[in-house]
mmCIF file of all heavy atoms, coordinates in Angstrom:
data_MODEL
# 
_entry.id   MODEL 
# 
loop_
_atom_site.group_PDB 
_atom_site.id 
_atom_site.type_symbol 
_atom_site.label_atom_id 
_atom_site.label_alt_id 
_atom_site.label_comp_id 
_atom_site.label_asym_id 
_atom_site.label_entity_id 
_atom_site.label_seq_id 
_atom_site.pdbx_PDB_ins_code 
_atom_site.Cartn_x 
_atom_site.Cartn_y 
_atom_site.Cartn_z 
_atom_site.occupancy 
_atom_site.B_iso_or_equiv 
_atom_site.pdbx_formal_charge 
_atom_site.auth_seq_id 
_atom_site.auth_comp_id 
_atom_site.auth_asym_id 
_atom_site.auth_atom_id 
_atom_site.pdbx_PDB_model_num 
ATOM 1   N N   . LEU A 1 1  ? 11.833 199.135 -186.060 1.00 0.00 ? 1  LEU A N   1 
ATOM 2   C CA  . LEU A 1 1  ? 13.293 198.961 -186.077 1.00 0.00 ? 1  LEU A CA  1 
ATOM 3   C C   . LEU A 1 1  ? 13.677 197.556 -185.640 1.00 0.00 ? 1  LEU A C   1 
ATOM 4   O O   . LEU A 1 1  ? 14.546 196.919 -186.243 1.00 0.00 ? 1  LEU A O   1 
ATOM 5   C CB  . LEU A 1 1  ? 13.962 200.007 -185.183 1.00 0.00 ? 1  LEU A CB  1 
ATOM 6   C CG  . LEU A 1 1  ? 15.487 199.923 -185.086 1.00 0.00 ? 1  LEU A CG  1 
ATOM 7   C CD1 . LEU A 1 1  ? 16.144 200.111 -186.445 1.00 0.00 ? 1  LEU A CD1 1 
ATOM 8   C CD2 . LEU A 1 1  ? 16.008 200.951 -184.092 1.00 0.00 ? 1  LEU A CD2 1 
ATOM 9   N N   . ARG A 1 2  ? 13.011 197.056 -184.620 1.00 0.00 ? 2  ARG A N   1 
ATOM 10  C CA  . ARG A 1 2  ? 13.291 195.695 -184.161 1.00 0.00 ? 2  ARG A CA  1 
ATOM 11  C C   . ARG A 1 2  ? 12.969 194.672 -185.246 1.00 0.00 ? 2  ARG A C   1 
ATOM 12  O O   . ARG A 1 2  ? 13.747 193.748 -185.490 1.00 0.00 ? 2  ARG A O   1 
ATOM 13  C CB  . ARG A 1 2  ? 12.494 195.393 -182.886 1.00 0.00 ? 2  ARG A CB  1 
ATOM 14  C CG  . ARG A 1 2  ? 12.755 193.995 -182.358 1.00 0.00 ? 2  ARG A CG  1 
ATOM 15  C CD  . ARG A 1 2  ? 12.393 193.827 -180.922 1.00 0.00 ? 2  ARG A CD  1 
ATOM 16  N NE  . ARG A 1 2  ? 10.960 193.775 -180.696 1.00 0.00 ? 2  ARG A NE  1 
ATOM 17  C CZ  . ARG A 1 2  ? 10.414 193.439 -179.539 1.00 0.00 ? 2  ARG A CZ  1 
ATOM 18  N NH1 . ARG A 1 2  ? 11.179 193.137 -178.507 1.00 0.00 ? 2  ARG A NH1 1 
ATOM 19  N NH2 . ARG A 1 2  ? 9.121  193.421 -179.398 1.00 0.00 ? 2  ARG A NH2 1 
ATOM 20  N N   . LEU A 1 3  ? 11.860 194.851 -185.944 1.00 0.00 ? 3  LEU A N   1 
ATOM 21  C CA  . LEU A 1 3  ? 11.489 193.939 -187.029 1.00 0.00 ? 3  LEU A CA  1 
ATOM 22  C C   . LEU A 1 3  ? 12.487 194.008 -188.186 1.00 0.00 ? 3  LEU A C   1 
ATOM 23  O O   . LEU A 1 3  ? 12.888 192.981 -188.736 1.00 0.00 ? 3  LEU A O   1 
ATOM 24  C CB  . LEU A 1 3  ? 10.086 194.268 -187.539 1.00 0.00 ? 3  LEU A CB  1 
ATOM 25  C CG  . LEU A 1 3  ? 8.920  194.030 -186.581 1.00 0.00 ? 3  LEU A CG  1 
ATOM 26  C CD1 . LEU A 1 3  ? 7.633  194.598 -187.163 1.00 0.00 ? 3  LEU A CD1 1 
ATOM 27  C CD2 . LEU A 1 3  ? 8.772  192.561 -186.282 1.00 0.00 ? 3  LEU A CD2 1 
ATOM 28  N N   . VAL A 1 4  ? 12.885 195.224 -188.550 1.00 0.00 ? 4  VAL A N   1 
ATOM 29  C CA  . VAL A 1 4  ? 13.822 195.398 -189.661 1.00 0.00 ? 4  VAL A CA  1 
ATOM 30  C C   . VAL A 1 4  ? 15.187 194.809 -189.311 1.00 0.00 ? 4  VAL A C   1 
ATOM 31  O O   . VAL A 1 4  ? 15.816 194.149 -190.140 1.00 0.00 ? 4  VAL A O   1 
ATOM 32  C CB  . VAL A 1 4  ? 13.942 196.892 -190.054 1.00 0.00 ? 4  VAL A CB  1 
ATOM 33  C CG1 . VAL A 1 4  ? 15.088 197.127 -191.011 1.00 0.00 ? 4  VAL A CG1 1 
ATOM 34  C CG2 . VAL A 1 4  ? 12.641 197.377 -190.660 1.00 0.00 ? 4  VAL A CG2 1 
ATOM 35  N N   . ARG A 1 5  ? 15.640 195.029 -188.090 1.00 0.00 ? 5  ARG A N   1 
ATOM 36  C CA  . ARG A 1 5  ? 16.930 194.458 -187.686 1.00 0.00 ? 5  ARG A CA  1 
ATOM 37  C C   . ARG A 1 5  ? 16.897 192.932 -187.717 1.00 0.00 ? 5  ARG A C   1 
ATOM 38  O O   . ARG A 1 5  ? 17.873 192.293 -188.125 1.00 0.00 ? 5  ARG A O   1 
ATOM 39  C CB  . ARG A 1 5  ? 17.315 194.945 -186.286 1.00 0.00 ? 5  ARG A CB  1 
ATOM 40  C CG  . ARG A 1 5  ? 17.824 196.364 -186.261 1.00 0.00 ? 5  ARG A CG  1 
ATOM 41  C CD  . ARG A 1 5  ? 18.148 196.808 -184.855 1.00 0.00 ? 5  ARG A CD  1 
ATOM 42  N NE  . ARG A 1 5  ? 18.758 198.128 -184.830 1.00 0.00 ? 5  ARG A NE  1 
ATOM 43  C CZ  . ARG A 1 5  ? 19.037 198.784 -183.710 1.00 0.00 ? 5  ARG A CZ  1 
ATOM 44  N NH1 . ARG A 1 5  ? 18.750 198.250 -182.531 1.00 0.00 ? 5  ARG A NH1 1 
ATOM 45  N NH2 . ARG A 1 5  ? 19.588 199.980 -183.768 1.00 0.00 ? 5  ARG A NH2 1 
ATOM 46  N N   . ALA A 1 6  ? 15.794 192.341 -187.294 1.00 0.00 ? 6  ALA A N   1 
ATOM 47  C CA  . ALA A 1 6  ? 15.675 190.877 -187.322 1.00 0.00 ? 6  ALA A CA  1 
ATOM 48  C C   . ALA A 1 6  ? 15.700 190.365 -188.763 1.00 0.00 ? 6  ALA A C   1 
ATOM 49  O O   . ALA A 1 6  ? 16.374 189.370 -189.066 1.00 0.00 ? 6  ALA A O   1 
ATOM 50  C CB  . ALA A 1 6  ? 14.392 190.440 -186.623 1.00 0.00 ? 6  ALA A CB  1 
ATOM 51  N N   . GLU A 1 7  ? 14.989 191.047 -189.647 1.00 0.00 ? 7  GLU A N   1 
ATOM 52  C CA  . GLU A 1 7  ? 14.958 190.626 -191.051 1.00 0.00 ? 7  GLU A CA  1 
ATOM 53  C C   . GLU A 1 7  ? 16.318 190.840 -191.710 1.00 0.00 ? 7  GLU A C   1 
ATOM 54  O O   . GLU A 1 7  ? 16.753 190.044 -192.531 1.00 0.00 ? 7  GLU A O   1 
ATOM 55  C CB  . GLU A 1 7  ? 13.873 191.406 -191.792 1.00 0.00 ? 7  GLU A CB  1 
ATOM 56  C CG  . GLU A 1 7  ? 13.452 190.783 -193.075 1.00 0.00 ? 7  GLU A CG  1 
ATOM 57  C CD  . GLU A 1 7  ? 12.831 189.399 -192.930 1.00 0.00 ? 7  GLU A CD  1 
ATOM 58  O OE1 . GLU A 1 7  ? 12.196 189.122 -191.897 1.00 0.00 ? 7  GLU A OE1 1 
ATOM 59  O OE2 . GLU A 1 7  ? 12.997 188.593 -193.861 1.00 0.00 ? 7  GLU A OE2 1 
ATOM 60  N N   . ARG A 1 8  ? 17.009 191.902 -191.320 1.00 0.00 ? 8  ARG A N   1 
ATOM 61  C CA  . ARG A 1 8  ? 18.355 192.169 -191.840 1.00 0.00 ? 8  ARG A CA  1 
ATOM 62  C C   . ARG A 1 8  ? 19.311 191.057 -191.417 1.00 0.00 ? 8  ARG A C   1 
ATOM 63  O O   . ARG A 1 8  ? 20.144 190.607 -192.210 1.00 0.00 ? 8  ARG A O   1 
ATOM 64  C CB  . ARG A 1 8  ? 18.843 193.519 -191.324 1.00 0.00 ? 8  ARG A CB  1 
ATOM 65  C CG  . ARG A 1 8  ? 20.231 193.889 -191.781 1.00 0.00 ? 8  ARG A CG  1 
ATOM 66  C CD  . ARG A 1 8  ? 20.586 195.283 -191.248 1.00 0.00 ? 8  ARG A CD  1 
ATOM 67  N NE  . ARG A 1 8  ? 21.932 195.640 -191.598 1.00 0.00 ? 8  ARG A NE  1 
ATOM 68  C CZ  . ARG A 1 8  ? 22.961 195.582 -190.760 1.00 0.00 ? 8  ARG A CZ  1 
ATOM 69  N NH1 . ARG A 1 8  ? 22.798 195.182 -189.519 1.00 0.00 ? 8  ARG A NH1 1 
ATOM 70  N NH2 . ARG A 1 8  ? 24.165 195.939 -191.157 1.00 0.00 ? 8  ARG A NH2 1 
ATOM 71  N N   . THR A 1 9  ? 19.185 190.602 -190.198 1.00 0.00 ? 9  THR A N   1 
ATOM 72  C CA  . THR A 1 9  ? 20.020 189.507 -189.705 1.00 0.00 ? 9  THR A CA  1 
ATOM 73  C C   . THR A 1 9  ? 19.758 188.236 -190.505 1.00 0.00 ? 9  THR A C   1 
ATOM 74  O O   . THR A 1 9  ? 20.702 187.531 -190.895 1.00 0.00 ? 9  THR A O   1 
ATOM 75  C CB  . THR A 1 9  ? 19.760 189.261 -188.205 1.00 0.00 ? 9  THR A CB  1 
ATOM 76  O OG1 . THR A 1 9  ? 20.084 190.456 -187.492 1.00 0.00 ? 9  THR A OG1 1 
ATOM 77  C CG2 . THR A 1 9  ? 20.570 188.103 -187.679 1.00 0.00 ? 9  THR A CG2 1 
ATOM 78  N N   . LYS A 1 10 ? 18.493 187.946 -190.770 1.00 0.00 ? 10 LYS A N   1 
ATOM 79  C CA  . LYS A 1 10 ? 18.151 186.766 -191.585 1.00 0.00 ? 10 LYS A CA  1 
ATOM 80  C C   . LYS A 1 10 ? 18.741 186.884 -192.984 1.00 0.00 ? 10 LYS A C   1 
ATOM 81  O O   . LYS A 1 10 ? 19.273 185.908 -193.526 1.00 0.00 ? 10 LYS A O   1 
ATOM 82  C CB  . LYS A 1 10 ? 16.632 186.599 -191.685 1.00 0.00 ? 10 LYS A CB  1 
ATOM 83  C CG  . LYS A 1 10 ? 15.967 186.159 -190.424 1.00 0.00 ? 10 LYS A CG  1 
ATOM 84  C CD  . LYS A 1 10 ? 14.466 186.077 -190.659 1.00 0.00 ? 10 LYS A CD  1 
ATOM 85  C CE  . LYS A 1 10 ? 13.711 185.958 -189.375 1.00 0.00 ? 10 LYS A CE  1 
ATOM 86  N NZ  . LYS A 1 10 ? 12.252 186.009 -189.598 1.00 0.00 ? 10 LYS A NZ  1 
ATOM 87  N N   . SER A 1 11 ? 18.647 188.066 -193.572 1.00 0.00 ? 11 SER A N   1 
ATOM 88  C CA  . SER A 1 11 ? 19.198 188.289 -194.912 1.00 0.00 ? 11 SER A CA  1 
ATOM 89  C C   . SER A 1 11 ? 20.713 188.120 -194.913 1.00 0.00 ? 11 SER A C   1 
ATOM 90  O O   . SER A 1 11 ? 21.283 187.553 -195.848 1.00 0.00 ? 11 SER A O   1 
ATOM 91  C CB  . SER A 1 11 ? 18.848 189.689 -195.417 1.00 0.00 ? 11 SER A CB  1 
ATOM 92  O OG  . SER A 1 11 ? 17.474 189.838 -195.539 1.00 0.00 ? 11 SER A OG  1 
ATOM 93  N N   . TYR A 1 12 ? 21.359 188.623 -193.868 1.00 0.00 ? 12 TYR A N   1 
ATOM 94  C CA  . TYR A 1 12 ? 22.812 188.483 -193.761 1.00 0.00 ? 12 TYR A CA  1 
ATOM 95  C C   . TYR A 1 12 ? 23.197 187.009 -193.641 1.00 0.00 ? 12 TYR A C   1 
ATOM 96  O O   . TYR A 1 12 ? 24.132 186.547 -194.306 1.00 0.00 ? 12 TYR A O   1 
ATOM 97  C CB  . TYR A 1 12 ? 23.336 189.271 -192.560 1.00 0.00 ? 12 TYR A CB  1 
ATOM 98  C CG  . TYR A 1 12 ? 24.835 189.164 -192.395 1.00 0.00 ? 12 TYR A CG  1 
ATOM 99  C CD1 . TYR A 1 12 ? 25.682 189.940 -193.179 1.00 0.00 ? 12 TYR A CD1 1 
ATOM 100 C CD2 . TYR A 1 12 ? 25.396 188.286 -191.477 1.00 0.00 ? 12 TYR A CD2 1 
ATOM 101 C CE1 . TYR A 1 12 ? 27.058 189.842 -193.047 1.00 0.00 ? 12 TYR A CE1 1 
ATOM 102 C CE2 . TYR A 1 12 ? 26.765 188.174 -191.339 1.00 0.00 ? 12 TYR A CE2 1 
ATOM 103 C CZ  . TYR A 1 12 ? 27.588 188.956 -192.131 1.00 0.00 ? 12 TYR A CZ  1 
ATOM 104 O OH  . TYR A 1 12 ? 28.945 188.844 -192.004 1.00 0.00 ? 12 TYR A OH  1 
ATOM 105 N N   . ASP A 1 13 ? 22.481 186.287 -192.803 1.00 0.00 ? 13 ASP A N   1 
ATOM 106 C CA  . ASP A 1 13 ? 22.770 184.857 -192.633 1.00 0.00 ? 13 ASP A CA  1 
ATOM 107 C C   . ASP A 1 13 ? 22.590 184.100 -193.947 1.00 0.00 ? 13 ASP A C   1 
ATOM 108 O O   . ASP A 1 13 ? 23.422 183.241 -194.291 1.00 0.00 ? 13 ASP A O   1 
ATOM 109 C CB  . ASP A 1 13 ? 21.887 184.254 -191.547 1.00 0.00 ? 13 ASP A CB  1 
ATOM 110 C CG  . ASP A 1 13 ? 22.229 184.776 -190.159 1.00 0.00 ? 13 ASP A CG  1 
ATOM 111 O OD1 . ASP A 1 13 ? 23.337 185.338 -189.985 1.00 0.00 ? 13 ASP A OD1 1 
ATOM 112 O OD2 . ASP A 1 13 ? 21.383 184.631 -189.256 1.00 0.00 ? 13 ASP A OD2 1 
ATOM 113 N N   . LEU A 1 14 ? 21.538 184.415 -194.699 1.00 0.00 ? 14 LEU A N   1 
ATOM 114 C CA  . LEU A 1 14 ? 21.319 183.779 -195.994 1.00 0.00 ? 14 LEU A CA  1 
ATOM 115 C C   . LEU A 1 14 ? 22.446 184.127 -196.959 1.00 0.00 ? 14 LEU A C   1 
ATOM 116 O O   . LEU A 1 14 ? 22.980 183.249 -197.646 1.00 0.00 ? 14 LEU A O   1 
ATOM 117 C CB  . LEU A 1 14 ? 19.968 184.206 -196.585 1.00 0.00 ? 14 LEU A CB  1 
ATOM 118 C CG  . LEU A 1 14 ? 19.685 183.735 -198.008 1.00 0.00 ? 14 LEU A CG  1 
ATOM 119 C CD1 . LEU A 1 14 ? 19.606 182.208 -198.066 1.00 0.00 ? 14 LEU A CD1 1 
ATOM 120 C CD2 . LEU A 1 14 ? 18.409 184.353 -198.531 1.00 0.00 ? 14 LEU A CD2 1 
ATOM 121 N N   . MET A 1 15 ? 22.821 185.383 -196.993 1.00 0.00 ? 15 MET A N   1 
ATOM 122 C CA  . MET A 1 15 ? 23.880 185.829 -197.881 1.00 0.00 ? 15 MET A CA  1 
ATOM 123 C C   . MET A 1 15 ? 25.196 185.117 -197.567 1.00 0.00 ? 15 MET A C   1 
ATOM 124 O O   . MET A 1 15 ? 25.878 184.623 -198.464 1.00 0.00 ? 15 MET A O   1 
ATOM 125 C CB  . MET A 1 15 ? 24.064 187.348 -197.749 1.00 0.00 ? 15 MET A CB  1 
ATOM 126 C CG  . MET A 1 15 ? 25.126 187.935 -198.645 1.00 0.00 ? 15 MET A CG  1 
ATOM 127 S SD  . MET A 1 15 ? 25.261 189.734 -198.469 1.00 0.00 ? 15 MET A SD  1 
ATOM 128 C CE  . MET A 1 15 ? 25.944 189.870 -196.826 1.00 0.00 ? 15 MET A CE  1 
ATOM 129 N N   . ARG A 1 16 ? 25.534 185.018 -196.299 1.00 0.00 ? 16 ARG A N   1 
ATOM 130 C CA  . ARG A 1 16 ? 26.788 184.354 -195.898 1.00 0.00 ? 16 ARG A CA  1 
ATOM 131 C C   . ARG A 1 16 ? 26.732 182.860 -196.191 1.00 0.00 ? 16 ARG A C   1 
ATOM 132 O O   . ARG A 1 16 ? 27.728 182.256 -196.603 1.00 0.00 ? 16 ARG A O   1 
ATOM 133 C CB  . ARG A 1 16 ? 27.080 184.595 -194.416 1.00 0.00 ? 16 ARG A CB  1 
ATOM 134 C CG  . ARG A 1 16 ? 27.374 186.033 -194.077 1.00 0.00 ? 16 ARG A CG  1 
ATOM 135 C CD  . ARG A 1 16 ? 28.555 186.616 -194.822 1.00 0.00 ? 16 ARG A CD  1 
ATOM 136 N NE  . ARG A 1 16 ? 29.761 185.927 -194.419 1.00 0.00 ? 16 ARG A NE  1 
ATOM 137 C CZ  . ARG A 1 16 ? 30.880 185.865 -195.126 1.00 0.00 ? 16 ARG A CZ  1 
ATOM 138 N NH1 . ARG A 1 16 ? 30.957 186.467 -196.279 1.00 0.00 ? 16 ARG A NH1 1 
ATOM 139 N NH2 . ARG A 1 16 ? 31.923 185.211 -194.676 1.00 0.00 ? 16 ARG A NH2 1 
ATOM 140 N N   . THR A 1 17 ? 25.589 182.239 -196.002 1.00 0.00 ? 17 THR A N   1 
ATOM 141 C CA  . THR A 1 17 ? 25.446 180.813 -196.297 1.00 0.00 ? 17 THR A CA  1 
ATOM 142 C C   . THR A 1 17 ? 25.664 180.557 -197.778 1.00 0.00 ? 17 THR A C   1 
ATOM 143 O O   . THR A 1 17 ? 26.367 179.612 -198.157 1.00 0.00 ? 17 THR A O   1 
ATOM 144 C CB  . THR A 1 17 ? 24.050 180.315 -195.878 1.00 0.00 ? 17 THR A CB  1 
ATOM 145 O OG1 . THR A 1 17 ? 23.873 180.547 -194.488 1.00 0.00 ? 17 THR A OG1 1 
ATOM 146 C CG2 . THR A 1 17 ? 23.868 178.843 -196.179 1.00 0.00 ? 17 THR A CG2 1 
ATOM 147 N N   . VAL A 1 18 ? 25.083 181.392 -198.609 1.00 0.00 ? 18 VAL A N   1 
ATOM 148 C CA  . VAL A 1 18 ? 25.234 181.244 -200.055 1.00 0.00 ? 18 VAL A CA  1 
ATOM 149 C C   . VAL A 1 18 ? 26.690 181.497 -200.465 1.00 0.00 ? 18 VAL A C   1 
ATOM 150 O O   . VAL A 1 18 ? 27.250 180.770 -201.286 1.00 0.00 ? 18 VAL A O   1 
ATOM 151 C CB  . VAL A 1 18 ? 24.270 182.190 -200.803 1.00 0.00 ? 18 VAL A CB  1 
ATOM 152 C CG1 . VAL A 1 18 ? 24.573 182.234 -202.285 1.00 0.00 ? 18 VAL A CG1 1 
ATOM 153 C CG2 . VAL A 1 18 ? 22.828 181.766 -200.567 1.00 0.00 ? 18 VAL A CG2 1 
ATOM 154 N N   . GLN A 1 19 ? 27.327 182.509 -199.872 1.00 0.00 ? 19 GLN A N   1 
ATOM 155 C CA  . GLN A 1 19 ? 28.703 182.836 -200.228 1.00 0.00 ? 19 GLN A CA  1 
ATOM 156 C C   . GLN A 1 19 ? 29.684 181.750 -199.784 1.00 0.00 ? 19 GLN A C   1 
ATOM 157 O O   . GLN A 1 19 ? 30.688 181.515 -200.444 1.00 0.00 ? 19 GLN A O   1 
ATOM 158 C CB  . GLN A 1 19 ? 29.119 184.171 -199.601 1.00 0.00 ? 19 GLN A CB  1 
ATOM 159 C CG  . GLN A 1 19 ? 28.470 185.368 -200.249 1.00 0.00 ? 19 GLN A CG  1 
ATOM 160 C CD  . GLN A 1 19 ? 28.775 186.661 -199.515 1.00 0.00 ? 19 GLN A CD  1 
ATOM 161 O OE1 . GLN A 1 19 ? 29.198 186.653 -198.358 1.00 0.00 ? 19 GLN A OE1 1 
ATOM 162 N NE2 . GLN A 1 19 ? 28.542 187.785 -200.182 1.00 0.00 ? 19 GLN A NE2 1 
ATOM 163 N N   . LYS A 1 20 ? 29.399 181.107 -198.664 1.00 0.00 ? 20 LYS A N   1 
ATOM 164 C CA  . LYS A 1 20 ? 30.313 180.102 -198.126 1.00 0.00 ? 20 LYS A CA  1 
ATOM 165 C C   . LYS A 1 20 ? 30.010 178.686 -198.594 1.00 0.00 ? 20 LYS A C   1 
ATOM 166 O O   . LYS A 1 20 ? 30.618 177.734 -198.112 1.00 0.00 ? 20 LYS A O   1 
ATOM 167 C CB  . LYS A 1 20 ? 30.275 180.137 -196.594 1.00 0.00 ? 20 LYS A CB  1 
ATOM 168 C CG  . LYS A 1 20 ? 30.911 181.364 -196.007 1.00 0.00 ? 20 LYS A CG  1 
ATOM 169 C CD  . LYS A 1 20 ? 30.936 181.270 -194.501 1.00 0.00 ? 20 LYS A CD  1 
ATOM 170 C CE  . LYS A 1 20 ? 31.696 182.426 -193.915 1.00 0.00 ? 20 LYS A CE  1 
ATOM 171 N NZ  . LYS A 1 20 ? 31.864 182.296 -192.474 1.00 0.00 ? 20 LYS A NZ  1 
ATOM 172 N N   . ALA A 1 21 ? 29.111 178.553 -199.535 1.00 0.00 ? 21 ALA A N   1 
ATOM 173 C CA  . ALA A 1 21 ? 28.767 177.222 -200.041 1.00 0.00 ? 21 ALA A CA  1 
ATOM 174 C C   . ALA A 1 21 ? 30.012 176.599 -200.690 1.00 0.00 ? 21 ALA A C   1 
ATOM 175 O O   . ALA A 1 21 ? 30.825 177.305 -201.289 1.00 0.00 ? 21 ALA A O   1 
ATOM 176 C CB  . ALA A 1 21 ? 27.633 177.320 -201.049 1.00 0.00 ? 21 ALA A CB  1 
ATOM 177 N N   . PRO A 1 22 ? 30.160 175.289 -200.559 1.00 0.00 ? 22 PRO A N   1 
ATOM 178 C CA  . PRO A 1 22 ? 31.308 174.627 -201.189 1.00 0.00 ? 22 PRO A CA  1 
ATOM 179 C C   . PRO A 1 22 ? 31.317 174.877 -202.698 1.00 0.00 ? 22 PRO A C   1 
ATOM 180 O O   . PRO A 1 22 ? 30.278 175.075 -203.321 1.00 0.00 ? 22 PRO A O   1 
ATOM 181 C CB  . PRO A 1 22 ? 31.074 173.141 -200.892 1.00 0.00 ? 22 PRO A CB  1 
ATOM 182 C CG  . PRO A 1 22 ? 30.115 173.113 -199.769 1.00 0.00 ? 22 PRO A CG  1 
ATOM 183 C CD  . PRO A 1 22 ? 29.319 174.364 -199.829 1.00 0.00 ? 22 PRO A CD  1 
ATOM 184 N N   . GLU A 1 23 ? 32.507 174.852 -203.273 1.00 0.00 ? 23 GLU A N   1 
ATOM 185 C CA  . GLU A 1 23 ? 32.655 175.160 -204.696 1.00 0.00 ? 23 GLU A CA  1 
ATOM 186 C C   . GLU A 1 23 ? 31.980 174.131 -205.594 1.00 0.00 ? 23 GLU A C   1 
ATOM 187 O O   . GLU A 1 23 ? 31.579 174.453 -206.705 1.00 0.00 ? 23 GLU A O   1 
ATOM 188 C CB  . GLU A 1 23 ? 34.132 175.281 -205.054 1.00 0.00 ? 23 GLU A CB  1 
ATOM 189 C CG  . GLU A 1 23 ? 34.764 176.532 -204.480 1.00 0.00 ? 23 GLU A CG  1 
ATOM 190 C CD  . GLU A 1 23 ? 36.209 176.685 -204.905 1.00 0.00 ? 23 GLU A CD  1 
ATOM 191 O OE1 . GLU A 1 23 ? 36.617 176.084 -205.920 1.00 0.00 ? 23 GLU A OE1 1 
ATOM 192 O OE2 . GLU A 1 23 ? 36.922 177.415 -204.215 1.00 0.00 ? 23 GLU A OE2 1 
ATOM 193 N N   . ASP A 1 24 ? 31.873 172.897 -205.122 1.00 0.00 ? 24 ASP A N   1 
ATOM 194 C CA  . ASP A 1 24 ? 31.248 171.876 -205.961 1.00 0.00 ? 24 ASP A CA  1 
ATOM 195 C C   . ASP A 1 24 ? 29.722 172.002 -206.010 1.00 0.00 ? 24 ASP A C   1 
ATOM 196 O O   . ASP A 1 24 ? 29.073 171.365 -206.829 1.00 0.00 ? 24 ASP A O   1 
ATOM 197 C CB  . ASP A 1 24 ? 31.661 170.466 -205.500 1.00 0.00 ? 24 ASP A CB  1 
ATOM 198 C CG  . ASP A 1 24 ? 31.288 170.187 -204.058 1.00 0.00 ? 24 ASP A CG  1 
ATOM 199 O OD1 . ASP A 1 24 ? 31.191 171.153 -203.269 1.00 0.00 ? 24 ASP A OD1 1 
ATOM 200 O OD2 . ASP A 1 24 ? 31.097 169.011 -203.715 1.00 0.00 ? 24 ASP A OD2 1 
ATOM 201 N N   . VAL A 1 25 ? 29.155 172.811 -205.137 1.00 0.00 ? 25 VAL A N   1 
ATOM 202 C CA  . VAL A 1 25 ? 27.712 173.060 -205.149 1.00 0.00 ? 25 VAL A CA  1 
ATOM 203 C C   . VAL A 1 25 ? 27.445 174.261 -206.045 1.00 0.00 ? 25 VAL A C   1 
ATOM 204 O O   . VAL A 1 25 ? 28.049 175.324 -205.892 1.00 0.00 ? 25 VAL A O   1 
ATOM 205 C CB  . VAL A 1 25 ? 27.179 173.342 -203.718 1.00 0.00 ? 25 VAL A CB  1 
ATOM 206 C CG1 . VAL A 1 25 ? 25.717 173.713 -203.757 1.00 0.00 ? 25 VAL A CG1 1 
ATOM 207 C CG2 . VAL A 1 25 ? 27.438 172.165 -202.819 1.00 0.00 ? 25 VAL A CG2 1 
# 
């Protein structure tokens, strides 16, 4: 569970980074 939660957090951070990328990128 600890490993899955850590990986889920990484996936969430990646998803948010991609979603919040500037429009010109």
